[in-house]
Amino acid sequence: MTDEQVKKIAACFATLAFTVMTLGSWAMGARILVALVRGIEALVLFGLLALFVCKLLQHKVDFSPVESSAEDDEAKGSHLDETV
């Protein structure tokens, strides 16, 4: 996972949080200014949370693709006829 992907994930998560919080607050009867303030708070909070979690996963988990060898592919069905 690259830094660009981490930023995109955090931005998408923050935008989703802003939208849900703003529309949800407004639908439940809050004034539009209060709903926007709550949405901005959710954008900052959940955007930073997603950014830190993705950065943590980026350093702890290896996201490189696993190469499968031809020997593993050939050996997959070799023991299917054996009974227990």
PDB file of N, CA and C in Angstrom:
ATOM      1  N   MET A   1       0.853  -1.162   0.000  1.00  0.00           N
ATOM      2  CA  MET A   1       0.000   0.000   0.000  1.00  0.00           C
ATOM      3  C   MET A   1       0.905   1.233   0.000  1.00  0.00           C
ATOM      4  N   THR A   2       0.680   2.104  -0.966  1.00  0.00           N
ATOM      5  CA  THR A   2       1.511   3.298  -1.074  1.00  0.00           C
ATOM      6  C   THR A   2       0.921   4.435  -0.245  1.00  0.00           C
ATOM      7  N   ASP A   3       1.712   5.501  -0.102  1.00  0.00           N
ATOM      8  CA  ASP A   3       1.230   6.663   0.648  1.00  0.00           C
ATOM      9  C   ASP A   3       0.032   7.308  -0.043  1.00  0.00           C
ATOM     10  N   GLU A   4       0.022   7.272  -1.363  1.00  0.00           N
ATOM     11  CA  GLU A   4      -1.091   7.849  -2.106  1.00  0.00           C
ATOM     12  C   GLU A   4      -2.380   7.079  -1.836  1.00  0.00           C
ATOM     13  N   GLN A   5      -2.300   5.760  -1.787  1.00  0.00           N
ATOM     14  CA  GLN A   5      -3.477   4.945  -1.492  1.00  0.00           C
ATOM     15  C   GLN A   5      -3.969   5.190  -0.075  1.00  0.00           C
ATOM     16  N   VAL A   6      -3.045   5.362   0.855  1.00  0.00           N
ATOM     17  CA  VAL A   6      -3.422   5.638   2.249  1.00  0.00           C
ATOM     18  C   VAL A   6      -4.183   6.949   2.332  1.00  0.00           C
ATOM     19  N   LYS A   7      -3.695   7.971   1.630  1.00  0.00           N
ATOM     20  CA  LYS A   7      -4.369   9.275   1.650  1.00  0.00           C
ATOM     21  C   LYS A   7      -5.746   9.207   1.002  1.00  0.00           C
ATOM     22  N   LYS A   8      -5.870   8.422  -0.077  1.00  0.00           N
ATOM     23  CA  LYS A   8      -7.167   8.284  -0.740  1.00  0.00           C
ATOM     24  C   LYS A   8      -8.162   7.569   0.158  1.00  0.00           C
ATOM     25  N   ILE A   9      -7.717   6.528   0.845  1.00  0.00           N
ATOM     26  CA  ILE A   9      -8.599   5.793   1.758  1.00  0.00           C
ATOM     27  C   ILE A   9      -9.068   6.708   2.885  1.00  0.00           C
ATOM     28  N   ALA A  10      -8.144   7.472   3.458  1.00  0.00           N
ATOM     29  CA  ALA A  10      -8.492   8.381   4.555  1.00  0.00           C
ATOM     30  C   ALA A  10      -9.444   9.473   4.075  1.00  0.00           C
ATOM     31  N   ALA A  11      -9.213  10.005   2.867  1.00  0.00           N
ATOM     32  CA  ALA A  11     -10.089  11.048   2.333  1.00  0.00           C
ATOM     33  C   ALA A  11     -11.488  10.510   2.064  1.00  0.00           C
ATOM     34  N   CYS A  12     -11.587   9.315   1.528  1.00  0.00           N
ATOM     35  CA  CYS A  12     -12.900   8.711   1.271  1.00  0.00           C
ATOM     36  C   CYS A  12     -13.645   8.443   2.575  1.00  0.00           C
ATOM     37  N   PHE A  13     -12.935   7.922   3.561  1.00  0.00           N
ATOM     38  CA  PHE A  13     -13.557   7.645   4.851  1.00  0.00           C
ATOM     39  C   PHE A  13     -14.017   8.935   5.524  1.00  0.00           C
ATOM     40  N   ALA A  14     -13.198   9.988   5.436  1.00  0.00           N
ATOM     41  CA  ALA A  14     -13.557  11.271   6.033  1.00  0.00           C
ATOM     42  C   ALA A  14     -14.764  11.883   5.329  1.00  0.00           C
ATOM     43  N   THR A  15     -14.807  11.790   4.004  1.00  0.00           N
ATOM     44  CA  THR A  15     -15.940  12.332   3.255  1.00  0.00           C
ATOM     45  C   THR A  15     -17.226  11.592   3.583  1.00  0.00           C
ATOM     46  N   LEU A  16     -17.132  10.278   3.710  1.00  0.00           N
ATOM     47  CA  LEU A  16     -18.298   9.487   4.093  1.00  0.00           C
ATOM     48  C   LEU A  16     -18.791   9.878   5.492  1.00  0.00           C
ATOM     49  N   ALA A  17     -17.859  10.045   6.427  1.00  0.00           N
ATOM     50  CA  ALA A  17     -18.237  10.434   7.787  1.00  0.00           C
ATOM     51  C   ALA A  17     -18.891  11.810   7.796  1.00  0.00           C
ATOM     52  N   PHE A  18     -18.338  12.759   7.022  1.00  0.00           N
ATOM     53  CA  PHE A  18     -18.916  14.099   6.937  1.00  0.00           C
ATOM     54  C   PHE A  18     -20.344  14.038   6.397  1.00  0.00           C
ATOM     55  N   THR A  19     -20.535  13.284   5.328  1.00  0.00           N
ATOM     56  CA  THR A  19     -21.847  13.204   4.692  1.00  0.00           C
ATOM     57  C   THR A  19     -22.878  12.565   5.615  1.00  0.00           C
ATOM     58  N   VAL A  20     -22.507  11.459   6.212  1.00  0.00           N
ATOM     59  CA  VAL A  20     -23.450  10.752   7.089  1.00  0.00           C
ATOM     60  C   VAL A  20     -23.792  11.597   8.311  1.00  0.00           C
ATOM     61  N   MET A  21     -22.787  12.222   8.911  1.00  0.00           N
ATOM     62  CA  MET A  21     -23.037  13.014  10.121  1.00  0.00           C
ATOM     63  C   MET A  21     -23.857  14.268   9.813  1.00  0.00           C
ATOM     64  N   THR A  22     -23.528  14.937   8.714  1.00  0.00           N
ATOM     65  CA  THR A  22     -24.261  16.156   8.373  1.00  0.00           C
ATOM     66  C   THR A  22     -25.702  15.854   8.015  1.00  0.00           C
ATOM     67  N   LEU A  23     -25.917  14.917   7.112  1.00  0.00           N
ATOM     68  CA  LEU A  23     -27.282  14.601   6.699  1.00  0.00           C
ATOM     69  C   LEU A  23     -28.084  13.959   7.832  1.00  0.00           C
ATOM     70  N   GLY A  24     -27.428  13.119   8.617  1.00  0.00           N
ATOM     71  CA  GLY A  24     -28.112  12.504   9.750  1.00  0.00           C
ATOM     72  C   GLY A  24     -28.534  13.513  10.800  1.00  0.00           C
ATOM     73  N   SER A  25     -27.652  14.443  11.121  1.00  0.00           N
ATOM     74  CA  SER A  25     -27.987  15.483  12.104  1.00  0.00           C
ATOM     75  C   SER A  25     -29.110  16.373  11.593  1.00  0.00           C
ATOM     76  N   TRP A  26     -29.017  16.750  10.323  1.00  0.00           N
ATOM     77  CA  TRP A  26     -30.038  17.607   9.747  1.00  0.00           C
ATOM     78  C   TRP A  26     -31.384  16.886   9.683  1.00  0.00           C
ATOM     79  N   ALA A  27     -31.374  15.617   9.332  1.00  0.00           N
ATOM     80  CA  ALA A  27     -32.618  14.852   9.251  1.00  0.00           C
ATOM     81  C   ALA A  27     -33.253  14.645  10.622  1.00  0.00           C
ATOM     82  N   MET A  28     -32.447  14.624  11.664  1.00  0.00           N
ATOM     83  CA  MET A  28     -32.975  14.433  13.018  1.00  0.00           C
ATOM     84  C   MET A  28     -33.376  15.750  13.683  1.00  0.00           C
ATOM     85  N   GLY A  29     -33.281  16.850  12.939  1.00  0.00           N
ATOM     86  CA  GLY A  29     -33.827  18.094  13.462  1.00  0.00           C
ATOM     87  C   GLY A  29     -32.823  19.158  13.849  1.00  0.00           C
ATOM     88  N   ALA A  30     -31.554  18.951  13.619  1.00  0.00           N
ATOM     89  CA  ALA A  30     -30.568  19.979  13.949  1.00  0.00           C
ATOM     90  C   ALA A  30     -30.604  21.072  12.888  1.00  0.00           C
ATOM     91  N   ARG A  31     -30.224  22.275  13.284  1.00  0.00           N
ATOM     92  CA  ARG A  31     -30.123  23.353  12.309  1.00  0.00           C
ATOM     93  C   ARG A  31     -28.951  23.069  11.386  1.00  0.00           C
ATOM     94  N   ILE A  32     -28.985  23.650  10.203  1.00  0.00           N
ATOM     95  CA  ILE A  32     -27.991  23.324   9.182  1.00  0.00           C
ATOM     96  C   ILE A  32     -26.582  23.712   9.620  1.00  0.00           C
ATOM     97  N   LEU A  33     -26.418  24.827  10.331  1.00  0.00           N
ATOM     98  CA  LEU A  33     -25.092  25.229  10.789  1.00  0.00           C
ATOM     99  C   LEU A  33     -24.539  24.241  11.816  1.00  0.00           C
ATOM    100  N   VAL A  34     -25.380  23.800  12.723  1.00  0.00           N
ATOM    101  CA  VAL A  34     -24.968  22.812  13.727  1.00  0.00           C
ATOM    102  C   VAL A  34     -24.639  21.482  13.050  1.00  0.00           C
ATOM    103  N   ALA A  35     -25.438  21.107  12.063  1.00  0.00           N
ATOM    104  CA  ALA A  35     -25.180  19.865  11.331  1.00  0.00           C
ATOM    105  C   ALA A  35     -23.845  19.943  10.579  1.00  0.00           C
ATOM    106  N   LEU A  36     -23.544  21.085   9.984  1.00  0.00           N
ATOM    107  CA  LEU A  36     -22.265  21.250   9.286  1.00  0.00           C
ATOM    108  C   LEU A  36     -21.081  21.205  10.246  1.00  0.00           C
ATOM    109  N   VAL A  37     -21.227  21.799  11.414  1.00  0.00           N
ATOM    110  CA  VAL A  37     -20.150  21.760  12.413  1.00  0.00           C
ATOM    111  C   VAL A  37     -19.908  20.320  12.860  1.00  0.00           C
ATOM    112  N   ARG A  38     -20.978  19.580  13.106  1.00  0.00           N
ATOM    113  CA  ARG A  38     -20.828  18.170  13.478  1.00  0.00           C
ATOM    114  C   ARG A  38     -20.184  17.372  12.350  1.00  0.00           C
ATOM    115  N   GLY A  39     -20.559  17.681  11.129  1.00  0.00           N
ATOM    116  CA  GLY A  39     -19.967  17.008   9.978  1.00  0.00           C
ATOM    117  C   GLY A  39     -18.478  17.291   9.846  1.00  0.00           C
ATOM    118  N   ILE A  40     -18.075  18.524  10.083  1.00  0.00           N
ATOM    119  CA  ILE A  40     -16.650  18.885  10.020  1.00  0.00           C
ATOM    120  C   ILE A  40     -15.878  18.184  11.128  1.00  0.00           C
ATOM    121  N   GLU A  41     -16.464  18.109  12.310  1.00  0.00           N
ATOM    122  CA  GLU A  41     -15.812  17.382  13.404  1.00  0.00           C
ATOM    123  C   GLU A  41     -15.637  15.908  13.040  1.00  0.00           C
ATOM    124  N   ALA A  42     -16.648  15.303  12.448  1.00  0.00           N
ATOM    125  CA  ALA A  42     -16.559  13.902  12.032  1.00  0.00           C
ATOM    126  C   ALA A  42     -15.522  13.733  10.929  1.00  0.00           C
ATOM    127  N   LEU A  43     -15.455  14.685  10.004  1.00  0.00           N
ATOM    128  CA  LEU A  43     -14.474  14.636   8.924  1.00  0.00           C
ATOM    129  C   LEU A  43     -13.059  14.613   9.485  1.00  0.00           C
ATOM    130  N   VAL A  44     -12.773  15.498  10.407  1.00  0.00           N
ATOM    131  CA  VAL A  44     -11.432  15.568  10.990  1.00  0.00           C
ATOM    132  C   VAL A  44     -11.138  14.327  11.831  1.00  0.00           C
ATOM    133  N   LEU A  45     -12.053  13.961  12.699  1.00  0.00           N
ATOM    134  CA  LEU A  45     -11.831  12.850  13.612  1.00  0.00           C
ATOM    135  C   LEU A  45     -11.654  11.530  12.866  1.00  0.00           C
ATOM    136  N   PHE A  46     -12.598  11.183  12.013  1.00  0.00           N
ATOM    137  CA  PHE A  46     -12.548   9.897  11.336  1.00  0.00           C
ATOM    138  C   PHE A  46     -11.520   9.881  10.205  1.00  0.00           C
ATOM    139  N   GLY A  47     -11.256  11.029   9.604  1.00  0.00           N
ATOM    140  CA  GLY A  47     -10.202  11.096   8.595  1.00  0.00           C
ATOM    141  C   GLY A  47      -8.834  10.833   9.203  1.00  0.00           C
ATOM    142  N   LEU A  48      -8.559  11.453  10.341  1.00  0.00           N
ATOM    143  CA  LEU A  48      -7.280  11.214  11.024  1.00  0.00           C
ATOM    144  C   LEU A  48      -7.193   9.787  11.554  1.00  0.00           C
ATOM    145  N   LEU A  49      -8.300   9.266  12.051  1.00  0.00           N
ATOM    146  CA  LEU A  49      -8.317   7.883  12.528  1.00  0.00           C
ATOM    147  C   LEU A  49      -7.994   6.913  11.397  1.00  0.00           C
ATOM    148  N   ALA A  50      -8.618   7.097  10.249  1.00  0.00           N
ATOM    149  CA  ALA A  50      -8.357   6.226   9.102  1.00  0.00           C
ATOM    150  C   ALA A  50      -6.915   6.381   8.626  1.00  0.00           C
ATOM    151  N   LEU A  51      -6.397   7.593   8.651  1.00  0.00           N
ATOM    152  CA  LEU A  51      -5.019   7.832   8.228  1.00  0.00           C
ATOM    153  C   LEU A  51      -4.032   7.109   9.142  1.00  0.00           C
ATOM    154  N   PHE A  52      -4.227   7.208  10.445  1.00  0.00           N
ATOM    155  CA  PHE A  52      -3.319   6.557  11.389  1.00  0.00           C
ATOM    156  C   PHE A  52      -3.423   5.038  11.331  1.00  0.00           C
ATOM    157  N   VAL A  53      -4.625   4.507  11.169  1.00  0.00           N
ATOM    158  CA  VAL A  53      -4.786   3.052  11.068  1.00  0.00           C
ATOM    159  C   VAL A  53      -4.132   2.529   9.799  1.00  0.00           C
ATOM    160  N   CYS A  54      -4.325   3.228   8.698  1.00  0.00           N
ATOM    161  CA  CYS A  54      -3.704   2.790   7.440  1.00  0.00           C
ATOM    162  C   CYS A  54      -2.189   2.895   7.506  1.00  0.00           C
ATOM    163  N   LYS A  55      -1.675   3.944   8.119  1.00  0.00           N
ATOM    164  CA  LYS A  55      -0.220   4.079   8.273  1.00  0.00           C
ATOM    165  C   LYS A  55       0.330   2.953   9.151  1.00  0.00           C
ATOM    166  N   LEU A  56      -0.388   2.615  10.212  1.00  0.00           N
ATOM    167  CA  LEU A  56       0.029   1.524  11.080  1.00  0.00           C
ATOM    168  C   LEU A  56       0.035   0.202  10.320  1.00  0.00           C
ATOM    169  N   LEU A  57      -1.018  -0.059   9.563  1.00  0.00           N
ATOM    170  CA  LEU A  57      -1.077  -1.283   8.772  1.00  0.00           C
ATOM    171  C   LEU A  57      -0.009  -1.306   7.686  1.00  0.00           C
ATOM    172  N   GLN A  58       0.299  -0.156   7.141  1.00  0.00           N
ATOM    173  CA  GLN A  58       1.306  -0.069   6.086  1.00  0.00           C
ATOM    174  C   GLN A  58       2.669  -0.509   6.607  1.00  0.00           C
ATOM    175  N   HIS A  59       2.971  -0.181   7.852  1.00  0.00           N
ATOM    176  CA  HIS A  59       4.269  -0.538   8.423  1.00  0.00           C
ATOM    177  C   HIS A  59       4.285  -1.954   8.990  1.00  0.00           C
ATOM    178  N   LYS A  60       3.137  -2.472   9.436  1.00  0.00           N
ATOM    179  CA  LYS A  60       3.088  -3.768  10.099  1.00  0.00           C
ATOM    180  C   LYS A  60       2.788  -4.935   9.161  1.00  0.00           C
ATOM    181  N   VAL A  61       2.036  -4.708   8.081  1.00  0.00           N
ATOM    182  CA  VAL A  61       1.578  -5.783   7.215  1.00  0.00           C
ATOM    183  C   VAL A  61       2.264  -5.672   5.860  1.00  0.00           C
ATOM    184  N   ASP A  62       2.679  -6.814   5.336  1.00  0.00           N
ATOM    185  CA  ASP A  62       3.310  -6.848   4.027  1.00  0.00           C
ATOM    186  C   ASP A  62       2.228  -7.008   2.966  1.00  0.00           C
ATOM    187  N   PHE A  63       2.033  -5.979   2.125  1.00  0.00           N
ATOM    188  CA  PHE A  63       0.997  -5.989   1.108  1.00  0.00           C
ATOM    189  C   PHE A  63       1.529  -6.379  -0.266  1.00  0.00           C
ATOM    190  N   SER A  64       2.739  -6.919  -0.316  1.00  0.00           N
ATOM    191  CA  SER A  64       3.284  -7.305  -1.611  1.00  0.00           C
ATOM    192  C   SER A  64       2.585  -8.568  -2.114  1.00  0.00           C
ATOM    193  N   PRO A  65       2.397  -8.675  -3.430  1.00  0.00           N
ATOM    194  CA  PRO A  65       1.705  -9.853  -3.966  1.00  0.00           C
ATOM    195  C   PRO A  65       2.539 -11.115  -3.780  1.00  0.00           C
ATOM    196  N   VAL A  66       1.851 -12.208  -3.493  1.00  0.00           N
ATOM    197  CA  VAL A  66       2.522 -13.482  -3.269  1.00  0.00           C
ATOM    198  C   VAL A  66       2.652 -14.201  -4.606  1.00  0.00           C
ATOM    199  N   GLU A  67       3.872 -14.630  -4.917  1.00  0.00           N
ATOM    200  CA  GLU A  67       4.098 -15.344  -6.160  1.00  0.00           C
ATOM    201  C   GLU A  67       3.884 -16.834  -5.927  1.00  0.00           C
ATOM    202  N   SER A  68       3.060 -17.459  -6.766  1.00  0.00           N
ATOM    203  CA  SER A  68       2.844 -18.894  -6.642  1.00  0.00           C
ATOM    204  C   SER A  68       3.708 -19.594  -7.680  1.00  0.00           C
ATOM    205  N   SER A  69       4.307 -20.661  -7.268  1.00  0.00           N
ATOM    206  CA  SER A  69       5.177 -21.389  -8.185  1.00  0.00           C
ATOM    207  C   SER A  69       4.365 -22.428  -8.957  1.00  0.00           C
ATOM    208  N   ALA A  70       4.908 -22.882 -10.047  1.00  0.00           N
ATOM    209  CA  ALA A  70       4.231 -23.889 -10.866  1.00  0.00           C
ATOM    210  C   ALA A  70       4.142 -25.215 -10.127  1.00  0.00           C
ATOM    211  N   GLU A  71       5.095 -25.503  -9.237  1.00  0.00           N
ATOM    212  CA  GLU A  71       5.073 -26.752  -8.474  1.00  0.00           C
ATOM    213  C   GLU A  71       3.869 -26.798  -7.546  1.00  0.00           C
ATOM    214  N   ASP A  72       3.531 -25.684  -6.935  1.00  0.00           N
ATOM    215  CA  ASP A  72       2.364 -25.643  -6.056  1.00  0.00           C
ATOM    216  C   ASP A  72       1.082 -25.869  -6.843  1.00  0.00           C
ATOM    217  N   ASP A  73       1.002 -25.317  -8.044  1.00  0.00           N
ATOM    218  CA  ASP A  73      -0.193 -25.486  -8.863  1.00  0.00           C
ATOM    219  C   ASP A  73      -0.374 -26.938  -9.294  1.00  0.00           C
ATOM    220  N   GLU A  74       0.720 -27.611  -9.615  1.00  0.00           N
ATOM    221  CA  GLU A  74       0.633 -29.002 -10.035  1.00  0.00           C
ATOM    222  C   GLU A  74       0.276 -29.918  -8.876  1.00  0.00           C
ATOM    223  N   ALA A  75       0.725 -29.571  -7.675  1.00  0.00           N
ATOM    224  CA  ALA A  75       0.507 -30.431  -6.522  1.00  0.00           C
ATOM    225  C   ALA A  75      -0.873 -30.244  -5.893  1.00  0.00           C
ATOM    226  N   LYS A  76      -1.647 -29.298  -6.362  1.00  0.00           N
ATOM    227  CA  LYS A  76      -2.940 -29.024  -5.729  1.00  0.00           C
ATOM    228  C   LYS A  76      -3.892 -30.209  -5.800  1.00  0.00           C
ATOM    229  N   GLY A  77      -4.002 -30.854  -6.933  1.00  0.00           N
ATOM    230  CA  GLY A  77      -4.991 -31.910  -7.069  1.00  0.00           C
ATOM    231  C   GLY A  77      -4.407 -33.310  -6.974  1.00  0.00           C
ATOM    232  N   SER A  78      -3.177 -33.441  -6.536  1.00  0.00           N
ATOM    233  CA  SER A  78      -2.532 -34.753  -6.545  1.00  0.00           C
ATOM    234  C   SER A  78      -3.043 -35.695  -5.456  1.00  0.00           C
ATOM    235  N   HIS A  79      -3.624 -35.187  -4.389  1.00  0.00           N
ATOM    236  CA  HIS A  79      -4.063 -36.036  -3.276  1.00  0.00           C
ATOM    237  C   HIS A  79      -5.580 -36.107  -3.179  1.00  0.00           C
ATOM    238  N   LEU A  80      -6.290 -35.776  -4.241  1.00  0.00           N
ATOM    239  CA  LEU A  80      -7.746 -35.779  -4.170  1.00  0.00           C
ATOM    240  C   LEU A  80      -8.346 -37.169  -4.113  1.00  0.00           C
ATOM    241  N   ASP A  81      -7.679 -38.158  -4.701  1.00  0.00           N
ATOM    242  CA  ASP A  81      -8.231 -39.515  -4.742  1.00  0.00           C
ATOM    243  C   ASP A  81      -7.937 -40.325  -3.488  1.00  0.00           C
ATOM    244  N   GLU A  82      -7.104 -39.832  -2.621  1.00  0.00           N
ATOM    245  CA  GLU A  82      -6.762 -40.570  -1.402  1.00  0.00           C
ATOM    246  C   GLU A  82      -7.927 -40.518  -0.426  1.00  0.00           C
ATOM    247  N   THR A  83      -8.192 -41.621   0.219  1.00  0.00           N
ATOM    248  CA  THR A  83      -9.260 -41.679   1.216  1.00  0.00           C
ATOM    249  C   THR A  83      -8.653 -41.550   2.607  1.00  0.00           C
ATOM    250  N   VAL A  84      -9.456 -41.145   3.528  1.00  0.00           N
ATOM    251  CA  VAL A  84      -8.967 -40.917   4.887  1.00  0.00           C
ATOM    252  C   VAL A  84      -8.869 -42.208   5.637  1.00  0.00           C
TER     253      VAL A  84
END
